[in-house]
């Protein structure tokens, strides 16, 4: 899931970068001693520039909202996985085969514990 977020961010960055790069005629490049022509900048529609900035901010907000939604979905997935584990555990508890296996394991553990206690008891009497 983290990879898809990173991929989305890279794709969006590449898209924004490609939109900002505009093709032009190499003849438009300045020569070494030429002064910049600011008239085209002065003639730019300021409202258009503001609209572009506003759209960029909206896009960023949307991206953050999408990330928040993805985080919520990830949390929901984790909660669903926990529920599945609980359900699996409950099914295991209700399964007669699992109950028999659990009883067998508990019996074996009890026998080991009893054997260990007897060894400890015998060692105590042999030293006394």
Protein backbone atom coordinates (compact mmCIF):
# COMPACT_ATOMS: atom_id res chain seq x y z
CA UNK A 1 0.00 0.00 0.00
CA UNK A 2 2.90 2.32 0.83
CA UNK A 3 4.35 1.67 -2.62
CA UNK A 4 1.13 2.79 -4.29
CA UNK A 5 1.19 6.06 -2.32
CA UNK A 6 4.77 6.69 -3.40
CA UNK A 7 3.96 5.76 -6.99
CA UNK A 8 0.98 8.13 -6.98
CA UNK A 9 3.10 10.97 -5.61
CA UNK A 10 5.82 10.40 -8.21
CA UNK A 11 3.25 10.24 -11.01
CA UNK A 12 1.56 13.43 -9.82
CA UNK A 13 4.92 15.22 -9.54
CA UNK A 14 5.89 14.10 -13.03
CA UNK A 15 2.53 15.28 -14.37
CA UNK A 16 2.88 18.70 -12.75
CA UNK A 17 6.45 19.01 -13.98
CA UNK A 18 5.51 18.05 -17.52
CA UNK A 19 2.67 20.57 -17.48
CA UNK A 20 5.07 23.33 -16.50
CA UNK A 21 7.53 22.54 -19.31
CA UNK A 22 6.36 24.20 -22.50
CA UNK A 23 7.88 23.63 -25.91
CA UNK A 24 9.35 26.69 -27.57
CA UNK A 25 11.48 27.68 -30.48
CA UNK A 26 15.22 27.69 -29.68
CA UNK A 27 15.39 31.06 -31.48
CA UNK A 28 13.54 32.53 -28.51
CA UNK A 29 16.61 32.05 -26.31
CA UNK A 30 18.42 35.27 -25.46
CA UNK A 31 21.78 36.04 -26.91
CA UNK A 32 24.58 36.89 -24.48
CA UNK A 33 24.20 40.68 -24.36
CA UNK A 34 20.42 40.82 -24.83
CA UNK A 35 18.31 42.30 -22.04
CA UNK A 36 15.28 40.31 -20.90
CA UNK A 37 11.93 41.33 -22.37
CA UNK A 38 9.55 41.78 -19.44
CA UNK A 39 6.65 43.00 -21.53
CA UNK A 40 5.22 39.49 -21.96
CA UNK A 41 5.25 39.01 -18.20
CA UNK A 42 3.49 42.33 -17.68
CA UNK A 43 0.84 41.36 -20.20
CA UNK A 44 0.11 38.05 -18.47
CA UNK A 45 -3.33 37.73 -17.05
CA UNK A 46 -2.79 37.88 -13.29
CA UNK A 47 -6.16 36.28 -12.60
CA UNK A 48 -5.13 33.28 -14.74
CA UNK A 49 -1.97 32.92 -12.67
CA UNK A 50 -4.03 33.01 -9.47
CA UNK A 51 -6.48 30.47 -10.87
CA UNK A 52 -3.59 28.13 -11.67
CA UNK A 53 -2.22 28.52 -8.15
CA UNK A 54 -5.66 27.92 -6.67
CA UNK A 55 -6.02 24.77 -8.77
CA UNK A 56 -2.62 23.58 -7.59
CA UNK A 57 -3.65 24.11 -3.95
CA UNK A 58 -6.91 22.25 -4.56
CA UNK A 59 -4.98 19.38 -6.13
CA UNK A 60 -2.65 19.25 -3.14
CA UNK A 61 -5.60 19.28 -0.74
CA UNK A 62 -7.22 16.48 -2.71
CA UNK A 63 -3.98 14.51 -2.55
CA UNK A 64 -3.87 14.92 1.24
CA UNK A 65 -7.50 13.85 1.52
CA UNK A 66 -6.73 10.79 -0.61
CA UNK A 67 -3.78 9.95 1.65
CA UNK A 68 -5.98 10.34 4.73
CA UNK A 69 -8.58 8.05 3.15
CA UNK A 70 -5.88 5.48 2.37
CA UNK A 71 -4.68 5.60 5.98
CA UNK A 72 -8.26 5.07 7.20
CA UNK A 73 -8.66 2.14 4.83
CA UNK A 74 -5.37 0.64 6.05
CA UNK A 75 -6.57 0.97 9.65
CA UNK A 76 -9.83 -0.70 8.69
CA UNK A 77 -7.90 -3.52 7.00
CA UNK A 78 -5.82 -4.07 10.14
CA UNK A 79 -8.97 -4.15 12.26
CA UNK A 80 -10.53 -6.63 9.83
CA UNK A 81 -7.43 -8.82 10.03
CA UNK A 82 -7.59 -8.76 13.82
CA UNK A 83 -11.26 -9.77 13.64
CA UNK A 84 -10.36 -12.59 11.27
CA UNK A 85 -7.69 -13.83 13.68
CA UNK A 86 -10.18 -13.71 16.55
CA UNK A 87 -12.74 -15.60 14.45
CA UNK A 88 -10.10 -18.18 13.50
CA UNK A 89 -9.12 -18.58 17.13
CA UNK A 90 -12.77 -19.03 18.12
CA UNK A 91 -13.25 -21.63 15.36
CA UNK A 92 -10.14 -23.43 16.60
CA UNK A 93 -11.54 -23.39 20.14
CA UNK A 94 -14.85 -24.87 18.91
CA UNK A 95 -13.26 -27.50 16.64
CA UNK A 96 -13.29 -30.97 18.27
CA UNK A 97 -10.03 -31.96 16.56
CA UNK A 98 -8.32 -28.82 17.85
CA UNK A 99 -9.77 -29.43 21.33
CA UNK A 100 -8.38 -32.99 21.34
CA UNK A 101 -4.99 -31.76 20.13
CA UNK A 102 -4.95 -29.05 22.78
CA UNK A 103 -5.82 -31.62 25.50
CA UNK A 104 -3.08 -33.94 24.26
CA UNK A 105 -0.51 -31.14 24.33
CA UNK A 106 -1.60 -30.06 27.79
CA UNK A 107 -1.37 -33.66 29.03
CA UNK A 108 2.14 -34.04 27.57
CA UNK A 109 3.20 -30.78 29.18
CA UNK A 110 1.77 -31.89 32.53
CA UNK A 111 3.65 -35.19 32.27
CA UNK A 112 6.90 -33.33 31.55
CA UNK A 113 6.29 -31.02 34.50
CA UNK A 114 5.52 -33.99 36.79
CA UNK A 115 8.64 -35.81 35.61
CA UNK A 116 10.74 -32.71 36.23
CA UNK A 117 9.28 -32.31 39.74
CA UNK A 118 10.04 -35.94 40.53
CA UNK A 119 13.64 -35.50 39.37
CA UNK A 120 14.01 -32.43 41.55
CA UNK A 121 12.48 -34.28 44.49
CA UNK A 122 14.80 -37.26 44.00
CA UNK A 123 17.85 -35.00 43.81
CA UNK A 124 16.82 -33.34 47.03
CA UNK A 125 16.59 -36.65 48.90
CA UNK A 126 19.85 -38.04 47.53
CA UNK A 127 21.80 -35.02 48.84
CA UNK A 128 20.20 -35.09 52.27
